[in-house]
Amino acid sequence: MTITSPQDVALSDTTEGADGATDREWWGRTWLPRRPLAADDFLSGVYRMARGPALRRRYVEANPQALSNLLVVDVDHSDAALRLLWDRDGWRPNVVV
């Protein structure tokens, strides 16, 4: 597959799979912890909560303690998706959100 733009690997809200779920819904069900640790401020405490409220927090656990399946990289540049996809011979990210 040749990647020509960030949209080639970005999660879609319109594409539906066999179960009727969008790519984004499938990703959430499959890869995000059901009750992740989350916080807005570490000094106020980190608490385990349902996925919905947790995703509205600033800091969210990506991998449960017993399983590590995601490497999260936060790139704070306006061209972040292009930096992740451009000139990567042989290794590309599985998902760019």
N, C-alpha and C. Protein backbone atom coordinates (compact mmCIF):
# COMPACT_ATOMS: atom_id res chain seq x y z
N MET A 1 0.84 -1.18 0.00
CA MET A 1 0.00 0.00 0.00
C MET A 1 0.88 1.23 0.00
N THR A 2 0.59 2.18 -0.86
CA THR A 2 1.33 3.43 -0.91
C THR A 2 0.54 4.48 -0.15
N ILE A 3 1.19 5.11 0.80
CA ILE A 3 0.53 6.13 1.60
C ILE A 3 0.86 7.48 0.99
N THR A 4 -0.16 8.20 0.57
CA THR A 4 0.04 9.49 -0.05
C THR A 4 -0.42 10.65 0.82
N SER A 5 -1.21 10.36 1.82
CA SER A 5 -1.68 11.42 2.71
C SER A 5 -2.04 10.81 4.06
N PRO A 6 -2.12 11.65 5.11
CA PRO A 6 -2.48 11.14 6.43
C PRO A 6 -3.84 10.47 6.46
N GLN A 7 -4.74 10.87 5.55
CA GLN A 7 -6.08 10.28 5.54
C GLN A 7 -6.05 8.81 5.14
N ASP A 8 -4.96 8.36 4.51
CA ASP A 8 -4.86 6.96 4.11
C ASP A 8 -4.82 6.01 5.29
N VAL A 9 -4.34 6.47 6.45
CA VAL A 9 -4.28 5.59 7.61
C VAL A 9 -5.09 6.12 8.78
N ALA A 10 -5.69 7.29 8.64
CA ALA A 10 -6.48 7.85 9.74
C ALA A 10 -7.75 7.04 9.93
N LEU A 11 -8.27 7.05 11.15
CA LEU A 11 -9.51 6.34 11.44
C LEU A 11 -10.69 7.08 10.82
N SER A 12 -11.59 6.33 10.25
CA SER A 12 -12.73 6.91 9.56
C SER A 12 -13.97 6.85 10.44
N ASP A 13 -14.79 7.90 10.37
CA ASP A 13 -16.07 7.90 11.06
C ASP A 13 -17.19 7.46 10.13
N THR A 14 -16.88 7.24 8.87
CA THR A 14 -17.93 6.90 7.91
C THR A 14 -17.86 5.46 7.43
N THR A 15 -16.68 4.87 7.38
CA THR A 15 -16.54 3.49 6.91
C THR A 15 -17.14 2.54 7.93
N GLU A 16 -18.02 1.66 7.48
CA GLU A 16 -18.64 0.70 8.38
C GLU A 16 -18.20 -0.70 8.04
N GLY A 17 -17.93 -1.48 9.08
CA GLY A 17 -17.53 -2.87 8.91
C GLY A 17 -18.75 -3.78 8.87
N ALA A 18 -18.51 -5.07 8.93
CA ALA A 18 -19.58 -6.06 8.85
C ALA A 18 -20.57 -5.92 10.00
N ASP A 19 -20.08 -5.47 11.17
CA ASP A 19 -20.97 -5.33 12.33
C ASP A 19 -21.64 -3.96 12.40
N GLY A 20 -21.43 -3.11 11.39
CA GLY A 20 -22.06 -1.80 11.36
C GLY A 20 -21.32 -0.73 12.13
N ALA A 21 -20.18 -1.07 12.72
CA ALA A 21 -19.41 -0.11 13.50
C ALA A 21 -18.45 0.66 12.60
N THR A 22 -18.24 1.94 12.91
CA THR A 22 -17.25 2.71 12.17
C THR A 22 -15.85 2.28 12.61
N ASP A 23 -14.85 2.68 11.85
CA ASP A 23 -13.47 2.36 12.21
C ASP A 23 -13.13 2.86 13.61
N ARG A 24 -13.58 4.07 13.92
CA ARG A 24 -13.28 4.66 15.22
C ARG A 24 -13.94 3.86 16.36
N GLU A 25 -15.18 3.41 16.16
CA GLU A 25 -15.86 2.60 17.17
C GLU A 25 -15.17 1.26 17.35
N TRP A 26 -14.78 0.64 16.24
CA TRP A 26 -14.07 -0.64 16.32
C TRP A 26 -12.76 -0.49 17.07
N TRP A 27 -12.00 0.56 16.77
CA TRP A 27 -10.72 0.82 17.45
C TRP A 27 -10.95 0.94 18.96
N GLY A 28 -11.95 1.71 19.36
CA GLY A 28 -12.23 1.89 20.78
C GLY A 28 -12.58 0.59 21.47
N ARG A 29 -13.44 -0.21 20.85
CA ARG A 29 -13.83 -1.49 21.45
C ARG A 29 -12.66 -2.46 21.53
N THR A 30 -11.82 -2.47 20.51
CA THR A 30 -10.77 -3.47 20.41
C THR A 30 -9.52 -3.13 21.20
N TRP A 31 -9.08 -1.89 21.18
CA TRP A 31 -7.77 -1.55 21.72
C TRP A 31 -7.77 -0.73 23.00
N LEU A 32 -8.82 0.02 23.28
CA LEU A 32 -8.80 0.85 24.48
C LEU A 32 -9.24 0.04 25.70
N PRO A 33 -8.59 0.25 26.85
CA PRO A 33 -9.03 -0.46 28.06
C PRO A 33 -10.47 -0.09 28.40
N ARG A 34 -11.22 -1.03 29.00
CA ARG A 34 -12.62 -0.76 29.35
C ARG A 34 -12.74 0.23 30.50
N ARG A 35 -11.85 0.12 31.46
CA ARG A 35 -11.86 1.04 32.60
C ARG A 35 -10.44 1.54 32.83
N PRO A 36 -9.98 2.48 31.98
CA PRO A 36 -8.60 2.94 32.10
C PRO A 36 -8.41 3.88 33.29
N LEU A 37 -7.17 3.97 33.72
CA LEU A 37 -6.79 5.00 34.68
C LEU A 37 -6.79 6.32 33.93
N ALA A 38 -7.31 7.39 34.56
CA ALA A 38 -7.37 8.68 33.88
C ALA A 38 -7.31 9.81 34.89
N ALA A 39 -6.83 10.96 34.44
CA ALA A 39 -6.73 12.14 35.31
C ALA A 39 -6.59 13.39 34.46
N ASP A 40 -6.98 14.51 35.03
CA ASP A 40 -6.70 15.81 34.42
C ASP A 40 -5.45 16.40 35.03
N ASP A 41 -5.21 16.06 36.30
CA ASP A 41 -4.06 16.58 37.03
C ASP A 41 -3.54 15.47 37.94
N PHE A 42 -2.29 15.07 37.77
CA PHE A 42 -1.74 13.97 38.56
C PHE A 42 -1.74 14.26 40.06
N LEU A 43 -1.61 15.51 40.44
CA LEU A 43 -1.60 15.85 41.87
C LEU A 43 -2.96 15.63 42.51
N SER A 44 -4.02 15.69 41.72
CA SER A 44 -5.37 15.45 42.25
C SER A 44 -5.70 13.97 42.31
N GLY A 45 -4.87 13.13 41.73
CA GLY A 45 -5.08 11.69 41.77
C GLY A 45 -5.44 11.12 40.41
N VAL A 46 -5.11 9.85 40.25
CA VAL A 46 -5.43 9.11 39.03
C VAL A 46 -6.42 8.03 39.42
N TYR A 47 -7.54 7.98 38.72
CA TYR A 47 -8.61 7.07 39.10
C TYR A 47 -9.04 6.21 37.92
N ARG A 48 -9.45 4.99 38.22
CA ARG A 48 -9.99 4.09 37.19
C ARG A 48 -11.45 4.48 36.98
N MET A 49 -11.84 4.65 35.71
CA MET A 49 -13.21 5.05 35.41
C MET A 49 -13.64 4.45 34.07
N ALA A 50 -14.91 4.53 33.78
CA ALA A 50 -15.44 4.01 32.52
C ALA A 50 -14.77 4.70 31.34
N ARG A 51 -14.74 4.03 30.21
CA ARG A 51 -14.04 4.52 29.03
C ARG A 51 -14.52 5.90 28.58
N GLY A 52 -15.83 6.12 28.53
CA GLY A 52 -16.38 7.39 28.05
C GLY A 52 -15.87 8.59 28.83
N PRO A 53 -16.08 8.62 30.16
CA PRO A 53 -15.57 9.74 30.95
C PRO A 53 -14.04 9.83 30.92
N ALA A 54 -13.36 8.70 30.85
CA ALA A 54 -11.89 8.70 30.83
C ALA A 54 -11.36 9.39 29.58
N LEU A 55 -12.02 9.19 28.45
CA LEU A 55 -11.53 9.79 27.21
C LEU A 55 -11.69 11.30 27.18
N ARG A 56 -12.43 11.86 28.13
CA ARG A 56 -12.55 13.32 28.22
C ARG A 56 -11.49 13.91 29.15
N ARG A 57 -10.65 13.07 29.72
CA ARG A 57 -9.57 13.53 30.61
C ARG A 57 -8.31 13.82 29.82
N ARG A 58 -7.41 14.56 30.44
CA ARG A 58 -6.16 14.93 29.77
C ARG A 58 -5.19 13.76 29.66
N TYR A 59 -5.10 12.94 30.69
CA TYR A 59 -4.19 11.80 30.71
C TYR A 59 -5.01 10.52 30.81
N VAL A 60 -4.78 9.58 29.89
CA VAL A 60 -5.53 8.32 29.86
C VAL A 60 -4.56 7.16 29.69
N GLU A 61 -4.76 6.10 30.47
CA GLU A 61 -3.95 4.89 30.35
C GLU A 61 -4.19 4.24 28.99
N ALA A 62 -3.11 3.94 28.28
CA ALA A 62 -3.24 3.30 26.97
C ALA A 62 -3.15 1.78 27.07
N ASN A 63 -2.35 1.27 27.99
CA ASN A 63 -2.14 -0.16 28.14
C ASN A 63 -2.45 -0.59 29.57
N PRO A 64 -3.27 -1.63 29.75
CA PRO A 64 -3.47 -2.17 31.09
C PRO A 64 -2.15 -2.74 31.62
N GLN A 65 -2.06 -2.92 32.93
CA GLN A 65 -0.81 -3.36 33.56
C GLN A 65 -0.33 -4.71 33.02
N ALA A 66 -1.24 -5.63 32.75
CA ALA A 66 -0.85 -6.98 32.35
C ALA A 66 -0.61 -7.12 30.85
N LEU A 67 -0.89 -6.09 30.06
CA LEU A 67 -0.82 -6.21 28.62
C LEU A 67 -0.30 -4.91 28.02
N SER A 68 0.72 -5.00 27.20
CA SER A 68 1.24 -3.82 26.53
C SER A 68 1.13 -4.04 25.03
N ASN A 69 0.21 -3.32 24.39
CA ASN A 69 0.00 -3.52 22.96
C ASN A 69 0.05 -2.24 22.15
N LEU A 70 0.17 -1.09 22.81
CA LEU A 70 0.20 0.17 22.09
C LEU A 70 1.43 0.98 22.49
N LEU A 71 2.04 1.62 21.53
CA LEU A 71 3.09 2.60 21.79
C LEU A 71 2.50 3.94 21.40
N VAL A 72 2.26 4.79 22.38
CA VAL A 72 1.62 6.07 22.14
C VAL A 72 2.69 7.14 22.02
N VAL A 73 2.64 7.89 20.93
CA VAL A 73 3.57 8.98 20.69
C VAL A 73 2.74 10.23 20.46
N ASP A 74 2.94 11.24 21.29
CA ASP A 74 2.21 12.50 21.17
C ASP A 74 3.13 13.50 20.48
N VAL A 75 2.78 13.88 19.26
CA VAL A 75 3.59 14.82 18.48
C VAL A 75 2.80 16.11 18.37
N ASP A 76 3.30 17.17 18.99
CA ASP A 76 2.59 18.45 19.02
C ASP A 76 3.13 19.41 17.96
N HIS A 77 2.90 19.06 16.71
CA HIS A 77 3.27 19.92 15.59
C HIS A 77 2.08 19.96 14.64
N SER A 78 1.94 21.05 13.91
CA SER A 78 0.82 21.16 12.97
C SER A 78 0.92 20.12 11.85
N ASP A 79 2.13 19.66 11.55
CA ASP A 79 2.32 18.66 10.50
C ASP A 79 2.66 17.28 11.09
N ALA A 80 2.09 16.96 12.23
CA ALA A 80 2.42 15.72 12.95
C ALA A 80 2.16 14.48 12.11
N ALA A 81 1.03 14.40 11.45
CA ALA A 81 0.71 13.20 10.66
C ALA A 81 1.72 13.00 9.53
N LEU A 82 2.11 14.08 8.88
CA LEU A 82 3.09 13.96 7.81
C LEU A 82 4.44 13.52 8.35
N ARG A 83 4.83 14.02 9.52
CA ARG A 83 6.10 13.60 10.12
C ARG A 83 6.09 12.11 10.43
N LEU A 84 4.95 11.59 10.85
CA LEU A 84 4.85 10.17 11.18
C LEU A 84 4.85 9.27 9.95
N LEU A 85 4.38 9.78 8.84
CA LEU A 85 4.19 8.95 7.66
C LEU A 85 5.25 9.12 6.58
N TRP A 86 5.92 10.23 6.56
CA TRP A 86 6.82 10.55 5.47
C TRP A 86 8.15 9.83 5.59
N ASP A 87 8.62 9.23 4.52
CA ASP A 87 9.96 8.65 4.42
C ASP A 87 10.24 7.61 5.50
N ARG A 88 9.34 6.65 5.66
CA ARG A 88 9.51 5.58 6.65
C ARG A 88 9.63 4.26 5.91
N ASP A 89 10.80 3.97 5.40
CA ASP A 89 11.01 2.74 4.64
C ASP A 89 10.84 1.51 5.52
N GLY A 90 9.83 0.70 5.19
CA GLY A 90 9.66 -0.58 5.86
C GLY A 90 8.91 -0.54 7.18
N TRP A 91 8.72 0.60 7.78
CA TRP A 91 7.96 0.64 9.04
C TRP A 91 7.05 1.87 9.05
N ARG A 92 5.80 1.61 9.20
CA ARG A 92 4.80 2.66 9.27
C ARG A 92 3.92 2.42 10.48
N PRO A 93 3.35 3.49 11.03
CA PRO A 93 2.43 3.29 12.16
C PRO A 93 1.19 2.52 11.72
N ASN A 94 0.64 1.73 12.62
CA ASN A 94 -0.60 1.01 12.32
C ASN A 94 -1.78 1.95 12.27
N VAL A 95 -1.78 2.95 13.16
CA VAL A 95 -2.90 3.88 13.24
C VAL A 95 -2.37 5.25 13.60
N VAL A 96 -2.92 6.27 12.98
CA VAL A 96 -2.65 7.66 13.34
C VAL A 96 -3.98 8.26 13.71
N VAL A 97 -4.10 8.75 14.94
CA VAL A 97 -5.36 9.32 15.42
C VAL A 97 -5.20 10.81 15.58
